[in-house]
C-alpha cells in the first residue's frame, strides 16, 4: 500500500469515528477508535500512521489537530517532533485565535518526547 492510499484510509477511519462520536455525542470515541486502529498496525503501517498523524497536527482544522496531538502524546510518536516544532513556530507569530494554547501544547509534547529520547 502506498502512503497516499494509507493516508486515504486513515482519513476515512477518522471521518467514520467522528460520525460515530457525533451520533453518540461522545468525542472520546474518536480517540478510542484511532488508538485501536493504531494498535493493529504492523511496524511498517505504524511508520505510515505516524507520518499521517504528524500531518494532521499541522492542519488548520483544530478538531483534527487536537486529536493528532493527543495521539502523538499518548502513543509517544517521536517521528512527529519536527511537525510539532513546525506547528509551534508557525503559530508563534500567528494572530489565530488560540495560537498561544497550541504553541504551549506542542512545545510540552516535544519536551516530553525529548525526555524519552526523541529530538
PDB file of N, CA and C in Angstrom:
ATOM      1  N   UNK A   1       0.844  -1.169   0.000  1.00  0.00           N
ATOM      2  CA  UNK A   1       0.000   0.000   0.000  1.00  0.00           C
ATOM      3  C   UNK A   1       0.898   1.245   0.000  1.00  0.00           C
ATOM      4  N   UNK A   2       0.536   2.199  -0.808  1.00  0.00           N
ATOM      5  CA  UNK A   2       1.311   3.437  -0.851  1.00  0.00           C
ATOM      6  C   UNK A   2       0.917   4.341   0.309  1.00  0.00           C
ATOM      7  N   UNK A   3       1.763   5.319   0.575  1.00  0.00           N
ATOM      8  CA  UNK A   3       1.446   6.279   1.633  1.00  0.00           C
ATOM      9  C   UNK A   3       0.149   7.013   1.317  1.00  0.00           C
ATOM     10  N   UNK A   4      -0.047   7.362   0.055  1.00  0.00           N
ATOM     11  CA  UNK A   4      -1.267   8.076  -0.337  1.00  0.00           C
ATOM     12  C   UNK A   4      -2.514   7.230  -0.062  1.00  0.00           C
ATOM     13  N   UNK A   5      -2.459   5.951  -0.381  1.00  0.00           N
ATOM     14  CA  UNK A   5      -3.581   5.046  -0.109  1.00  0.00           C
ATOM     15  C   UNK A   5      -3.785   4.900   1.395  1.00  0.00           C
ATOM     16  N   UNK A   6      -2.692   4.778   2.115  1.00  0.00           N
ATOM     17  CA  UNK A   6      -2.770   4.645   3.571  1.00  0.00           C
ATOM     18  C   UNK A   6      -3.374   5.908   4.184  1.00  0.00           C
ATOM     19  N   UNK A   7      -2.933   7.071   3.702  1.00  0.00           N
ATOM     20  CA  UNK A   7      -3.463   8.351   4.178  1.00  0.00           C
ATOM     21  C   UNK A   7      -4.977   8.416   3.957  1.00  0.00           C
ATOM     22  N   UNK A   8      -5.421   7.980   2.791  1.00  0.00           N
ATOM     23  CA  UNK A   8      -6.860   7.984   2.487  1.00  0.00           C
ATOM     24  C   UNK A   8      -7.621   7.072   3.451  1.00  0.00           C
ATOM     25  N   UNK A   9      -7.038   5.926   3.772  1.00  0.00           N
ATOM     26  CA  UNK A   9      -7.690   5.016   4.719  1.00  0.00           C
ATOM     27  C   UNK A   9      -7.717   5.606   6.131  1.00  0.00           C
ATOM     28  N   UNK A  10      -6.644   6.235   6.528  1.00  0.00           N
ATOM     29  CA  UNK A  10      -6.616   6.886   7.847  1.00  0.00           C
ATOM     30  C   UNK A  10      -7.651   8.018   7.900  1.00  0.00           C
ATOM     31  N   UNK A  11      -7.726   8.798   6.823  1.00  0.00           N
ATOM     32  CA  UNK A  11      -8.714   9.875   6.768  1.00  0.00           C
ATOM     33  C   UNK A  11     -10.134   9.314   6.858  1.00  0.00           C
ATOM     34  N   UNK A  12     -10.386   8.220   6.159  1.00  0.00           N
ATOM     35  CA  UNK A  12     -11.707   7.592   6.199  1.00  0.00           C
ATOM     36  C   UNK A  12     -12.010   7.056   7.600  1.00  0.00           C
ATOM     37  N   UNK A  13     -11.010   6.478   8.247  1.00  0.00           N
ATOM     38  CA  UNK A  13     -11.199   5.977   9.620  1.00  0.00           C
ATOM     39  C   UNK A  13     -11.507   7.118  10.567  1.00  0.00           C
ATOM     40  N   UNK A  14     -10.788   8.226  10.406  1.00  0.00           N
ATOM     41  CA  UNK A  14     -11.024   9.391  11.253  1.00  0.00           C
ATOM     42  C   UNK A  14     -12.441   9.915  11.035  1.00  0.00           C
ATOM     43  N   UNK A  15     -12.848  10.029   9.780  1.00  0.00           N
ATOM     44  CA  UNK A  15     -14.178  10.545   9.472  1.00  0.00           C
ATOM     45  C   UNK A  15     -15.268   9.635  10.030  1.00  0.00           C
ATOM     46  N   UNK A  16     -15.090   8.341   9.878  1.00  0.00           N
ATOM     47  CA  UNK A  16     -16.063   7.372  10.398  1.00  0.00           C
ATOM     48  C   UNK A  16     -16.165   7.477  11.923  1.00  0.00           C
ATOM     49  N   UNK A  17     -15.030   7.591  12.584  1.00  0.00           N
ATOM     50  CA  UNK A  17     -15.023   7.725  14.047  1.00  0.00           C
ATOM     51  C   UNK A  17     -15.691   9.026  14.478  1.00  0.00           C
ATOM     52  N   UNK A  18     -15.452  10.105  13.729  1.00  0.00           N
ATOM     53  CA  UNK A  18     -16.089  11.398  14.044  1.00  0.00           C
ATOM     54  C   UNK A  18     -17.600  11.301  13.914  1.00  0.00           C
ATOM     55  N   UNK A  19     -18.069  10.630  12.865  1.00  0.00           N
ATOM     56  CA  UNK A  19     -19.505  10.472  12.673  1.00  0.00           C
ATOM     57  C   UNK A  19     -20.117   9.650  13.803  1.00  0.00           C
ATOM     58  N   UNK A  20     -19.448   8.567  14.174  1.00  0.00           N
ATOM     59  CA  UNK A  20     -19.931   7.735  15.273  1.00  0.00           C
ATOM     60  C   UNK A  20     -19.949   8.528  16.580  1.00  0.00           C
ATOM     61  N   UNK A  21     -18.892   9.273  16.827  1.00  0.00           N
ATOM     62  CA  UNK A  21     -18.815  10.084  18.038  1.00  0.00           C
ATOM     63  C   UNK A  21     -19.944  11.114  18.067  1.00  0.00           C
ATOM     64  N   UNK A  22     -20.231  11.695  16.908  1.00  0.00           N
ATOM     65  CA  UNK A  22     -21.313  12.679  16.831  1.00  0.00           C
ATOM     66  C   UNK A  22     -22.670  12.058  17.108  1.00  0.00           C
ATOM     67  N   UNK A  23     -22.886  10.856  16.608  1.00  0.00           N
ATOM     68  CA  UNK A  23     -24.183  10.220  16.823  1.00  0.00           C
ATOM     69  C   UNK A  23     -24.376   9.829  18.287  1.00  0.00           C
ATOM     70  N   UNK A  24     -23.297   9.494  18.972  1.00  0.00           N
ATOM     71  CA  UNK A  24     -23.379   9.143  20.389  1.00  0.00           C
ATOM     72  C   UNK A  24     -23.091  10.333  21.304  1.00  0.00           C
ATOM     73  N   UNK A  25     -22.731  11.452  20.693  1.00  0.00           N
ATOM     74  CA  UNK A  25     -22.354  12.658  21.439  1.00  0.00           C
ATOM     75  C   UNK A  25     -21.250  12.345  22.460  1.00  0.00           C
ATOM     76  N   UNK A  26     -20.254  11.593  21.975  1.00  0.00           N
ATOM     77  CA  UNK A  26     -19.132  11.184  22.812  1.00  0.00           C
ATOM     78  C   UNK A  26     -17.829  11.360  22.028  1.00  0.00           C
ATOM     79  N   UNK A  27     -17.132  12.486  22.210  1.00  0.00           N
ATOM     80  CA  UNK A  27     -15.926  12.739  21.422  1.00  0.00           C
ATOM     81  C   UNK A  27     -14.787  11.754  21.700  1.00  0.00           C
ATOM     82  N   UNK A  28     -14.824  11.045  22.801  1.00  0.00           N
ATOM     83  CA  UNK A  28     -13.755  10.102  23.123  1.00  0.00           C
ATOM     84  C   UNK A  28     -13.775   8.876  22.220  1.00  0.00           C
ATOM     85  N   UNK A  29     -14.891   8.655  21.537  1.00  0.00           N
ATOM     86  CA  UNK A  29     -14.974   7.532  20.605  1.00  0.00           C
ATOM     87  C   UNK A  29     -13.898   7.664  19.534  1.00  0.00           C
ATOM     88  N   UNK A  30     -13.640   8.885  19.099  1.00  0.00           N
ATOM     89  CA  UNK A  30     -12.630   9.100  18.060  1.00  0.00           C
ATOM     90  C   UNK A  30     -11.275   8.581  18.535  1.00  0.00           C
ATOM     91  N   UNK A  31     -10.868   8.975  19.722  1.00  0.00           N
ATOM     92  CA  UNK A  31      -9.580   8.513  20.244  1.00  0.00           C
ATOM     93  C   UNK A  31      -9.559   7.004  20.446  1.00  0.00           C
ATOM     94  N   UNK A  32     -10.636   6.455  20.946  1.00  0.00           N
ATOM     95  CA  UNK A  32     -10.698   5.002  21.156  1.00  0.00           C
ATOM     96  C   UNK A  32     -10.529   4.260  19.841  1.00  0.00           C
ATOM     97  N   UNK A  33     -11.240   4.703  18.814  1.00  0.00           N
ATOM     98  CA  UNK A  33     -11.169   4.043  17.510  1.00  0.00           C
ATOM     99  C   UNK A  33      -9.777   4.183  16.884  1.00  0.00           C
ATOM    100  N   UNK A  34      -9.205   5.383  16.967  1.00  0.00           N
ATOM    101  CA  UNK A  34      -7.891   5.602  16.359  1.00  0.00           C
ATOM    102  C   UNK A  34      -6.794   4.861  17.117  1.00  0.00           C
ATOM    103  N   UNK A  35      -6.898   4.806  18.436  1.00  0.00           N
ATOM    104  CA  UNK A  35      -5.908   4.034  19.208  1.00  0.00           C
ATOM    105  C   UNK A  35      -6.003   2.548  18.875  1.00  0.00           C
ATOM    106  N   UNK A  36      -7.225   2.034  18.764  1.00  0.00           N
ATOM    107  CA  UNK A  36      -7.424   0.625  18.426  1.00  0.00           C
ATOM    108  C   UNK A  36      -6.890   0.322  17.028  1.00  0.00           C
ATOM    109  N   UNK A  37      -7.119   1.227  16.088  1.00  0.00           N
ATOM    110  CA  UNK A  37      -6.601   1.064  14.737  1.00  0.00           C
ATOM    111  C   UNK A  37      -5.083   1.026  14.754  1.00  0.00           C
ATOM    112  N   UNK A  38      -4.466   1.953  15.445  1.00  0.00           N
ATOM    113  CA  UNK A  38      -3.006   2.034  15.540  1.00  0.00           C
ATOM    114  C   UNK A  38      -2.428   0.757  16.156  1.00  0.00           C
ATOM    115  N   UNK A  39      -3.097   0.221  17.150  1.00  0.00           N
ATOM    116  CA  UNK A  39      -2.616  -0.990  17.832  1.00  0.00           C
ATOM    117  C   UNK A  39      -2.584  -2.194  16.895  1.00  0.00           C
ATOM    118  N   UNK A  40      -3.421  -2.190  15.871  1.00  0.00           N
ATOM    119  CA  UNK A  40      -3.466  -3.314  14.930  1.00  0.00           C
ATOM    120  C   UNK A  40      -2.392  -3.222  13.841  1.00  0.00           C
ATOM    121  N   UNK A  41      -1.744  -2.077  13.717  1.00  0.00           N
ATOM    122  CA  UNK A  41      -0.759  -1.891  12.652  1.00  0.00           C
ATOM    123  C   UNK A  41       0.534  -2.638  12.942  1.00  0.00           C
ATOM    124  N   UNK A  42       1.153  -3.123  11.866  1.00  0.00           N
ATOM    125  CA  UNK A  42       2.499  -3.669  11.995  1.00  0.00           C
ATOM    126  C   UNK A  42       3.479  -2.498  11.952  1.00  0.00           C
ATOM    127  N   UNK A  43       4.764  -2.763  12.043  1.00  0.00           N
ATOM    128  CA  UNK A  43       5.751  -1.687  12.147  1.00  0.00           C
ATOM    129  C   UNK A  43       5.752  -0.782  10.913  1.00  0.00           C
ATOM    130  N   UNK A  44       5.595  -1.341   9.728  1.00  0.00           N
ATOM    131  CA  UNK A  44       5.553  -0.526   8.516  1.00  0.00           C
ATOM    132  C   UNK A  44       4.327   0.369   8.472  1.00  0.00           C
ATOM    133  N   UNK A  45       3.195  -0.184   8.866  1.00  0.00           N
ATOM    134  CA  UNK A  45       1.962   0.604   8.900  1.00  0.00           C
ATOM    135  C   UNK A  45       2.044   1.688   9.975  1.00  0.00           C
ATOM    136  N   UNK A  46       2.666   1.362  11.092  1.00  0.00           N
ATOM    137  CA  UNK A  46       2.814   2.376  12.145  1.00  0.00           C
ATOM    138  C   UNK A  46       3.676   3.539  11.677  1.00  0.00           C
ATOM    139  N   UNK A  47       4.698   3.250  10.901  1.00  0.00           N
ATOM    140  CA  UNK A  47       5.538   4.326  10.371  1.00  0.00           C
ATOM    141  C   UNK A  47       4.708   5.249   9.481  1.00  0.00           C
ATOM    142  N   UNK A  48       3.850   4.659   8.647  1.00  0.00           N
ATOM    143  CA  UNK A  48       2.986   5.487   7.797  1.00  0.00           C
ATOM    144  C   UNK A  48       1.951   6.226   8.644  1.00  0.00           C
ATOM    145  N   UNK A  49       1.395   5.554   9.644  1.00  0.00           N
ATOM    146  CA  UNK A  49       0.413   6.196  10.523  1.00  0.00           C
ATOM    147  C   UNK A  49       1.051   7.359  11.273  1.00  0.00           C
ATOM    148  N   UNK A  50       2.278   7.176  11.726  1.00  0.00           N
ATOM    149  CA  UNK A  50       2.991   8.256  12.413  1.00  0.00           C
ATOM    150  C   UNK A  50       3.098   9.481  11.506  1.00  0.00           C
ATOM    151  N   UNK A  51       3.406   9.239  10.243  1.00  0.00           N
ATOM    152  CA  UNK A  51       3.536  10.348   9.301  1.00  0.00           C
ATOM    153  C   UNK A  51       2.190  11.046   9.087  1.00  0.00           C
ATOM    154  N   UNK A  52       1.130  10.272   8.931  1.00  0.00           N
ATOM    155  CA  UNK A  52      -0.202  10.856   8.719  1.00  0.00           C
ATOM    156  C   UNK A  52      -0.635  11.644   9.945  1.00  0.00           C
ATOM    157  N   UNK A  53      -0.442  11.098  11.120  1.00  0.00           N
ATOM    158  CA  UNK A  53      -0.834  11.796  12.348  1.00  0.00           C
ATOM    159  C   UNK A  53      -0.020  13.077  12.511  1.00  0.00           C
ATOM    160  N   UNK A  54       1.262  13.030  12.167  1.00  0.00           N
ATOM    161  CA  UNK A  54       2.099  14.235  12.210  1.00  0.00           C
ATOM    162  C   UNK A  54       1.569  15.290  11.238  1.00  0.00           C
ATOM    163  N   UNK A  55       1.093  14.856  10.079  1.00  0.00           N
ATOM    164  CA  UNK A  55       0.490  15.786   9.115  1.00  0.00           C
ATOM    165  C   UNK A  55      -0.784  16.400   9.682  1.00  0.00           C
ATOM    166  N   UNK A  56      -1.595  15.587  10.347  1.00  0.00           N
ATOM    167  CA  UNK A  56      -2.823  16.100  10.944  1.00  0.00           C
ATOM    168  C   UNK A  56      -2.522  17.192  11.962  1.00  0.00           C
ATOM    169  N   UNK A  57      -1.403  17.054  12.672  1.00  0.00           N
ATOM    170  CA  UNK A  57      -1.030  18.053  13.680  1.00  0.00           C
ATOM    171  C   UNK A  57      -0.818  19.431  13.055  1.00  0.00           C
ATOM    172  N   UNK A  58      -0.440  19.458  11.799  1.00  0.00           N
ATOM    173  CA  UNK A  58      -0.163  20.723  11.120  1.00  0.00           C
ATOM    174  C   UNK A  58      -1.392  21.333  10.450  1.00  0.00           C
ATOM    175  N   UNK A  59      -2.486  20.616  10.447  1.00  0.00           N
ATOM    176  CA  UNK A  59      -3.676  21.092   9.754  1.00  0.00           C
ATOM    177  C   UNK A  59      -4.290  22.303  10.443  1.00  0.00           C
ATOM    178  N   UNK A  60      -5.052  23.044   9.656  1.00  0.00           N
ATOM    179  CA  UNK A  60      -5.789  24.189  10.184  1.00  0.00           C
ATOM    180  C   UNK A  60      -7.042  23.772  10.931  1.00  0.00           C
ATOM    181  N   UNK A  61      -7.509  22.551  10.682  1.00  0.00           N
ATOM    182  CA  UNK A  61      -8.695  22.026  11.364  1.00  0.00           C
ATOM    183  C   UNK A  61      -8.314  21.731  12.817  1.00  0.00           C
ATOM    184  N   UNK A  62      -8.749  22.597  13.726  1.00  0.00           N
ATOM    185  CA  UNK A  62      -8.348  22.452  15.132  1.00  0.00           C
ATOM    186  C   UNK A  62      -8.844  21.158  15.755  1.00  0.00           C
ATOM    187  N   UNK A  63      -9.973  20.647  15.295  1.00  0.00           N
ATOM    188  CA  UNK A  63     -10.510  19.414  15.843  1.00  0.00           C
ATOM    189  C   UNK A  63      -9.551  18.258  15.549  1.00  0.00           C
ATOM    190  N   UNK A  64      -9.169  18.132  14.289  1.00  0.00           N
ATOM    191  CA  UNK A  64      -8.263  17.047  13.923  1.00  0.00           C
ATOM    192  C   UNK A  64      -6.883  17.285  14.530  1.00  0.00           C
ATOM    193  N   UNK A  65      -6.457  18.532  14.591  1.00  0.00           N
ATOM    194  CA  UNK A  65      -5.167  18.863  15.221  1.00  0.00           C
ATOM    195  C   UNK A  65      -5.176  18.408  16.677  1.00  0.00           C
ATOM    196  N   UNK A  66      -6.266  18.653  17.379  1.00  0.00           N
ATOM    197  CA  UNK A  66      -6.361  18.271  18.780  1.00  0.00           C
ATOM    198  C   UNK A  66      -6.237  16.759  18.956  1.00  0.00           C
ATOM    199  N   UNK A  67      -6.953  16.002  18.128  1.00  0.00           N
ATOM    200  CA  UNK A  67      -6.854  14.546  18.198  1.00  0.00           C
ATOM    201  C   UNK A  67      -5.439  14.089  17.861  1.00  0.00           C
ATOM    202  N   UNK A  68      -4.837  14.711  16.867  1.00  0.00           N
ATOM    203  CA  UNK A  68      -3.476  14.334  16.467  1.00  0.00           C
ATOM    204  C   UNK A  68      -2.496  14.561  17.612  1.00  0.00           C
ATOM    205  N   UNK A  69      -2.571  15.715  18.252  1.00  0.00           N
ATOM    206  CA  UNK A  69      -1.645  15.992  19.351  1.00  0.00           C
ATOM    207  C   UNK A  69      -1.858  15.021  20.508  1.00  0.00           C
ATOM    208  N   UNK A  70      -3.099  14.682  20.780  1.00  0.00           N
ATOM    209  CA  UNK A  70      -3.378  13.713  21.840  1.00  0.00           C
ATOM    210  C   UNK A  70      -2.791  12.351  21.481  1.00  0.00           C
ATOM    211  N   UNK A  71      -2.967  11.932  20.229  1.00  0.00           N
ATOM    212  CA  UNK A  71      -2.398  10.652  19.800  1.00  0.00           C
ATOM    213  C   UNK A  71      -0.878  10.668  19.865  1.00  0.00           C
ATOM    214  N   UNK A  72      -0.273  11.756  19.415  1.00  0.00           N
ATOM    215  CA  UNK A  72       1.188  11.869  19.453  1.00  0.00           C
ATOM    216  C   UNK A  72       1.682  11.745  20.887  1.00  0.00           C
ATOM    217  N   UNK A  73       1.000  12.413  21.784  1.00  0.00           N
ATOM    218  CA  UNK A  73       1.390  12.380  23.195  1.00  0.00           C
ATOM    219  C   UNK A  73       1.165  10.992  23.799  1.00  0.00           C
ATOM    220  N   UNK A  74      -0.033  10.443  23.599  1.00  0.00           N
ATOM    221  CA  UNK A  74      -0.376   9.157  24.207  1.00  0.00           C
ATOM    222  C   UNK A  74       0.424   7.988  23.642  1.00  0.00           C
ATOM    223  N   UNK A  75       0.638   8.012  22.323  1.00  0.00           N
ATOM    224  CA  UNK A  75       1.319   6.901  21.663  1.00  0.00           C
ATOM    225  C   UNK A  75       2.828   7.125  21.565  1.00  0.00           C
ATOM    226  N   UNK A  76       3.266   8.271  22.054  1.00  0.00           N
ATOM    227  CA  UNK A  76       4.693   8.635  22.051  1.00  0.00           C
ATOM    228  C   UNK A  76       5.280   8.543  20.639  1.00  0.00           C
ATOM    229  N   UNK A  77       4.666   9.284  19.739  1.00  0.00           N
ATOM    230  CA  UNK A  77       5.084   9.268  18.341  1.00  0.00           C
ATOM    231  C   UNK A  77       6.221  10.269  18.159  1.00  0.00           C
ATOM    232  N   UNK A  78       7.425   9.801  18.374  1.00  0.00           N
ATOM    233  CA  UNK A  78       8.594  10.660  18.284  1.00  0.00           C
ATOM    234  C   UNK A  78       8.846  11.204  16.895  1.00  0.00           C
ATOM    235  N   UNK A  79       8.404  10.473  15.875  1.00  0.00           N
ATOM    236  CA  UNK A  79       8.585  10.946  14.498  1.00  0.00           C
ATOM    237  C   UNK A  79       7.821  12.235  14.222  1.00  0.00           C
ATOM    238  N   UNK A  80       6.918  12.594  15.112  1.00  0.00           N
ATOM    239  CA  UNK A  80       6.107  13.797  14.920  1.00  0.00           C
ATOM    240  C   UNK A  80       6.778  15.055  15.456  1.00  0.00           C
ATOM    241  N   UNK A  81       7.921  14.917  16.108  1.00  0.00           N
ATOM    242  CA  UNK A  81       8.599  16.075  16.700  1.00  0.00           C
ATOM    243  C   UNK A  81       8.828  17.196  15.683  1.00  0.00           C
ATOM    244  N   UNK A  82       9.338  16.913  14.477  1.00  0.00           N
ATOM    245  CA  UNK A  82       9.515  18.014  13.523  1.00  0.00           C
ATOM    246  C   UNK A  82       8.206  18.739  13.178  1.00  0.00           C
ATOM    247  N   UNK A  83       7.128  18.004  13.080  1.00  0.00           N
ATOM    248  CA  UNK A  83       5.830  18.632  12.796  1.00  0.00           C
ATOM    249  C   UNK A  83       5.373  19.497  13.963  1.00  0.00           C
ATOM    250  N   UNK A  84       5.588  19.012  15.178  1.00  0.00           N
ATOM    251  CA  UNK A  84       5.196  19.794  16.349  1.00  0.00           C
ATOM    252  C   UNK A  84       6.018  21.078  16.438  1.00  0.00           C
ATOM    253  N   UNK A  85       7.295  20.970  16.131  1.00  0.00           N
ATOM    254  CA  UNK A  85       8.137  22.174  16.130  1.00  0.00           C
ATOM    255  C   UNK A  85       7.691  23.153  15.048  1.00  0.00           C
ATOM    256  N   UNK A  86       7.344  22.620  13.883  1.00  0.00           N
ATOM    257  CA  UNK A  86       6.868  23.474  12.788  1.00  0.00           C
ATOM    258  C   UNK A  86       5.547  24.144  13.166  1.00  0.00           C
ATOM    259  N   UNK A  87       4.676  23.408  13.823  1.00  0.00           N
ATOM    260  CA  UNK A  87       3.400  23.969  14.277  1.00  0.00           C
ATOM    261  C   UNK A  87       3.646  25.102  15.265  1.00  0.00           C
ATOM    262  N   UNK A  88       4.498  24.857  16.243  1.00  0.00           N
ATOM    263  CA  UNK A  88       4.791  25.885  17.247  1.00  0.00           C
ATOM    264  C   UNK A  88       5.409  27.116  16.601  1.00  0.00           C
ATOM    265  N   UNK A  89       6.325  26.904  15.682  1.00  0.00           N
ATOM    266  CA  UNK A  89       6.971  28.036  15.002  1.00  0.00           C
ATOM    267  C   UNK A  89       5.961  28.840  14.194  1.00  0.00           C
ATOM    268  N   UNK A  90       5.109  28.130  13.453  1.00  0.00           N
ATOM    269  CA  UNK A  90       4.106  28.807  12.628  1.00  0.00           C
ATOM    270  C   UNK A  90       3.134  29.626  13.476  1.00  0.00           C
ATOM    271  N   UNK A  91       2.740  29.068  14.599  1.00  0.00           N
ATOM    272  CA  UNK A  91       1.725  29.738  15.414  1.00  0.00           C
ATOM    273  C   UNK A  91       2.303  30.761  16.392  1.00  0.00           C
ATOM    274  N   UNK A  92       3.613  30.732  16.602  1.00  0.00           N
ATOM    275  CA  UNK A  92       4.237  31.699  17.500  1.00  0.00           C
ATOM    276  C   UNK A  92       3.959  33.128  17.046  1.00  0.00           C
ATOM    277  N   UNK A  93       3.928  33.336  15.760  1.00  0.00           N
ATOM    278  CA  UNK A  93       3.736  34.675  15.205  1.00  0.00           C
ATOM    279  C   UNK A  93       2.358  34.825  14.565  1.00  0.00           C
ATOM    280  N   UNK A  94       1.426  33.971  14.963  1.00  0.00           N
ATOM    281  CA  UNK A  94       0.104  33.962  14.358  1.00  0.00           C
ATOM    282  C   UNK A  94      -0.899  34.753  15.193  1.00  0.00           C
ATOM    283  N   UNK A  95      -1.845  35.352  14.504  1.00  0.00           N
ATOM    284  CA  UNK A  95      -2.948  36.038  15.168  1.00  0.00           C
ATOM    285  C   UNK A  95      -4.136  35.094  15.328  1.00  0.00           C
ATOM    286  N   UNK A  96      -3.952  33.834  14.937  1.00  0.00           N
ATOM    287  CA  UNK A  96      -5.013  32.838  15.031  1.00  0.00           C
ATOM    288  C   UNK A  96      -5.511  32.731  16.473  1.00  0.00           C
ATOM    289  N   UNK A  97      -6.814  32.682  16.624  1.00  0.00           N
ATOM    290  CA  UNK A  97      -7.408  32.534  17.947  1.00  0.00           C
ATOM    291  C   UNK A  97      -6.906  31.231  18.576  1.00  0.00           C
ATOM    292  N   UNK A  98      -6.394  31.301  19.764  1.00  0.00           N
ATOM    293  CA  UNK A  98      -5.898  30.121  20.466  1.00  0.00           C
ATOM    294  C   UNK A  98      -4.492  29.709  20.085  1.00  0.00           C
ATOM    295  N   UNK A  99      -3.809  30.518  19.301  1.00  0.00           N
ATOM    296  CA  UNK A  99      -2.463  30.154  18.839  1.00  0.00           C
ATOM    297  C   UNK A  99      -1.518  29.882  20.008  1.00  0.00           C
ATOM    298  N   UNK A 100      -1.581  30.705  21.033  1.00  0.00           N
ATOM    299  CA  UNK A 100      -0.658  30.509  22.157  1.00  0.00           C
ATOM    300  C   UNK A 100      -0.918  29.176  22.862  1.00  0.00           C
ATOM    301  N   UNK A 101      -2.177  28.753  22.929  1.00  0.00           N
ATOM    302  CA  UNK A 101      -2.514  27.449  23.512  1.00  0.00           C
ATOM    303  C   UNK A 101      -1.844  26.326  22.725  1.00  0.00           C
ATOM    304  N   UNK A 102      -1.951  26.389  21.383  1.00  0.00           N
ATOM    305  CA  UNK A 102      -1.379  25.351  20.538  1.00  0.00           C
ATOM    306  C   UNK A 102       0.147  25.339  20.623  1.00  0.00           C
ATOM    307  N   UNK A 103       0.752  26.513  20.719  1.00  0.00           N
ATOM    308  CA  UNK A 103       2.206  26.595  20.853  1.00  0.00           C
ATOM    309  C   UNK A 103       2.635  25.917  22.156  1.00  0.00           C
ATOM    310  N   UNK A 104       1.958  26.234  23.245  1.00  0.00           N
ATOM    311  CA  UNK A 104       2.300  25.639  24.542  1.00  0.00           C
ATOM    312  C   UNK A 104       2.097  24.128  24.529  1.00  0.00           C
ATOM    313  N   UNK A 105       0.999  23.688  23.940  1.00  0.00           N
ATOM    314  CA  UNK A 105       0.712  22.256  23.922  1.00  0.00           C
ATOM    315  C   UNK A 105       1.745  21.510  23.082  1.00  0.00           C
ATOM    316  N   UNK A 106       2.039  22.022  21.890  1.00  0.00           N
ATOM    317  CA  UNK A 106       3.021  21.366  21.029  1.00  0.00           C
ATOM    318  C   UNK A 106       4.400  21.342  21.696  1.00  0.00           C
ATOM    319  N   UNK A 107       4.779  22.446  22.310  1.00  0.00           N
ATOM    320  CA  UNK A 107       6.082  22.539  22.975  1.00  0.00           C
ATOM    321  C   UNK A 107       6.168  21.569  24.142  1.00  0.00           C
ATOM    322  N   UNK A 108       5.107  21.436  24.903  1.00  0.00           N
ATOM    323  CA  UNK A 108       5.090  20.495  26.027  1.00  0.00           C
ATOM    324  C   UNK A 108       5.268  19.062  25.533  1.00  0.00           C
ATOM    325  N   UNK A 109       4.581  18.714  24.459  1.00  0.00           N
ATOM    326  CA  UNK A 109       4.695  17.355  23.923  1.00  0.00           C
ATOM    327  C   UNK A 109       6.117  17.106  23.426  1.00  0.00           C
ATOM    328  N   UNK A 110       6.704  18.084  22.737  1.00  0.00           N
ATOM    329  CA  UNK A 110       8.092  17.949  22.267  1.00  0.00           C
ATOM    330  C   UNK A 110       9.019  17.757  23.463  1.00  0.00           C
ATOM    331  N   UNK A 111       8.839  18.546  24.495  1.00  0.00           N
ATOM    332  CA  UNK A 111       9.683  18.421  25.689  1.00  0.00           C
ATOM    333  C   UNK A 111       9.535  17.037  26.323  1.00  0.00           C
ATOM    334  N   UNK A 112       8.299  16.552  26.419  1.00  0.00           N
ATOM    335  CA  UNK A 112       8.068  15.224  26.998  1.00  0.00           C
ATOM    336  C   UNK A 112       8.705  14.128  26.147  1.00  0.00           C
ATOM    337  N   UNK A 113       8.576  14.250  24.832  1.00  0.00           N
ATOM    338  CA  UNK A 113       9.180  13.250  23.946  1.00  0.00           C
ATOM    339  C   UNK A 113      10.708  13.318  24.008  1.00  0.00           C
ATOM    340  N   UNK A 114      11.252  14.528  24.172  1.00  0.00           N
ATOM    341  CA  UNK A 114      12.719  14.683  24.282  1.00  0.00           C
ATOM    342  C   UNK A 114      13.237  13.970  25.528  1.00  0.00           C
ATOM    343  N   UNK A 115      12.457  14.003  26.602  1.00  0.00           N
ATOM    344  CA  UNK A 115      12.857  13.295  27.829  1.00  0.00           C
ATOM    345  C   UNK A 115      12.903  11.786  27.606  1.00  0.00           C
ATOM    346  N   UNK A 116      12.177  11.326  26.596  1.00  0.00           N
ATOM    347  CA  UNK A 116      12.142   9.893  26.286  1.00  0.00           C
ATOM    348  C   UNK A 116      13.138   9.536  25.177  1.00  0.00           C
ATOM    349  N   UNK A 117      13.961  10.514  24.803  1.00  0.00           N
ATOM    350  CA  UNK A 117      14.994  10.238  23.825  1.00  0.00           C
ATOM    351  C   UNK A 117      14.701  10.677  22.400  1.00  0.00           C
ATOM    352  N   UNK A 118      13.544  11.271  22.178  1.00  0.00           N
ATOM    353  CA  UNK A 118      13.221  11.782  20.842  1.00  0.00           C
ATOM    354  C   UNK A 118      13.617  13.240  20.763  1.00  0.00           C
ATOM    355  N   UNK A 119      14.210  13.617  19.669  1.00  0.00           N
ATOM    356  CA  UNK A 119      14.548  15.023  19.486  1.00  0.00           C
ATOM    357  C   UNK A 119      14.527  15.355  18.053  1.00  0.00           C
TER     358      UNK A 119
END
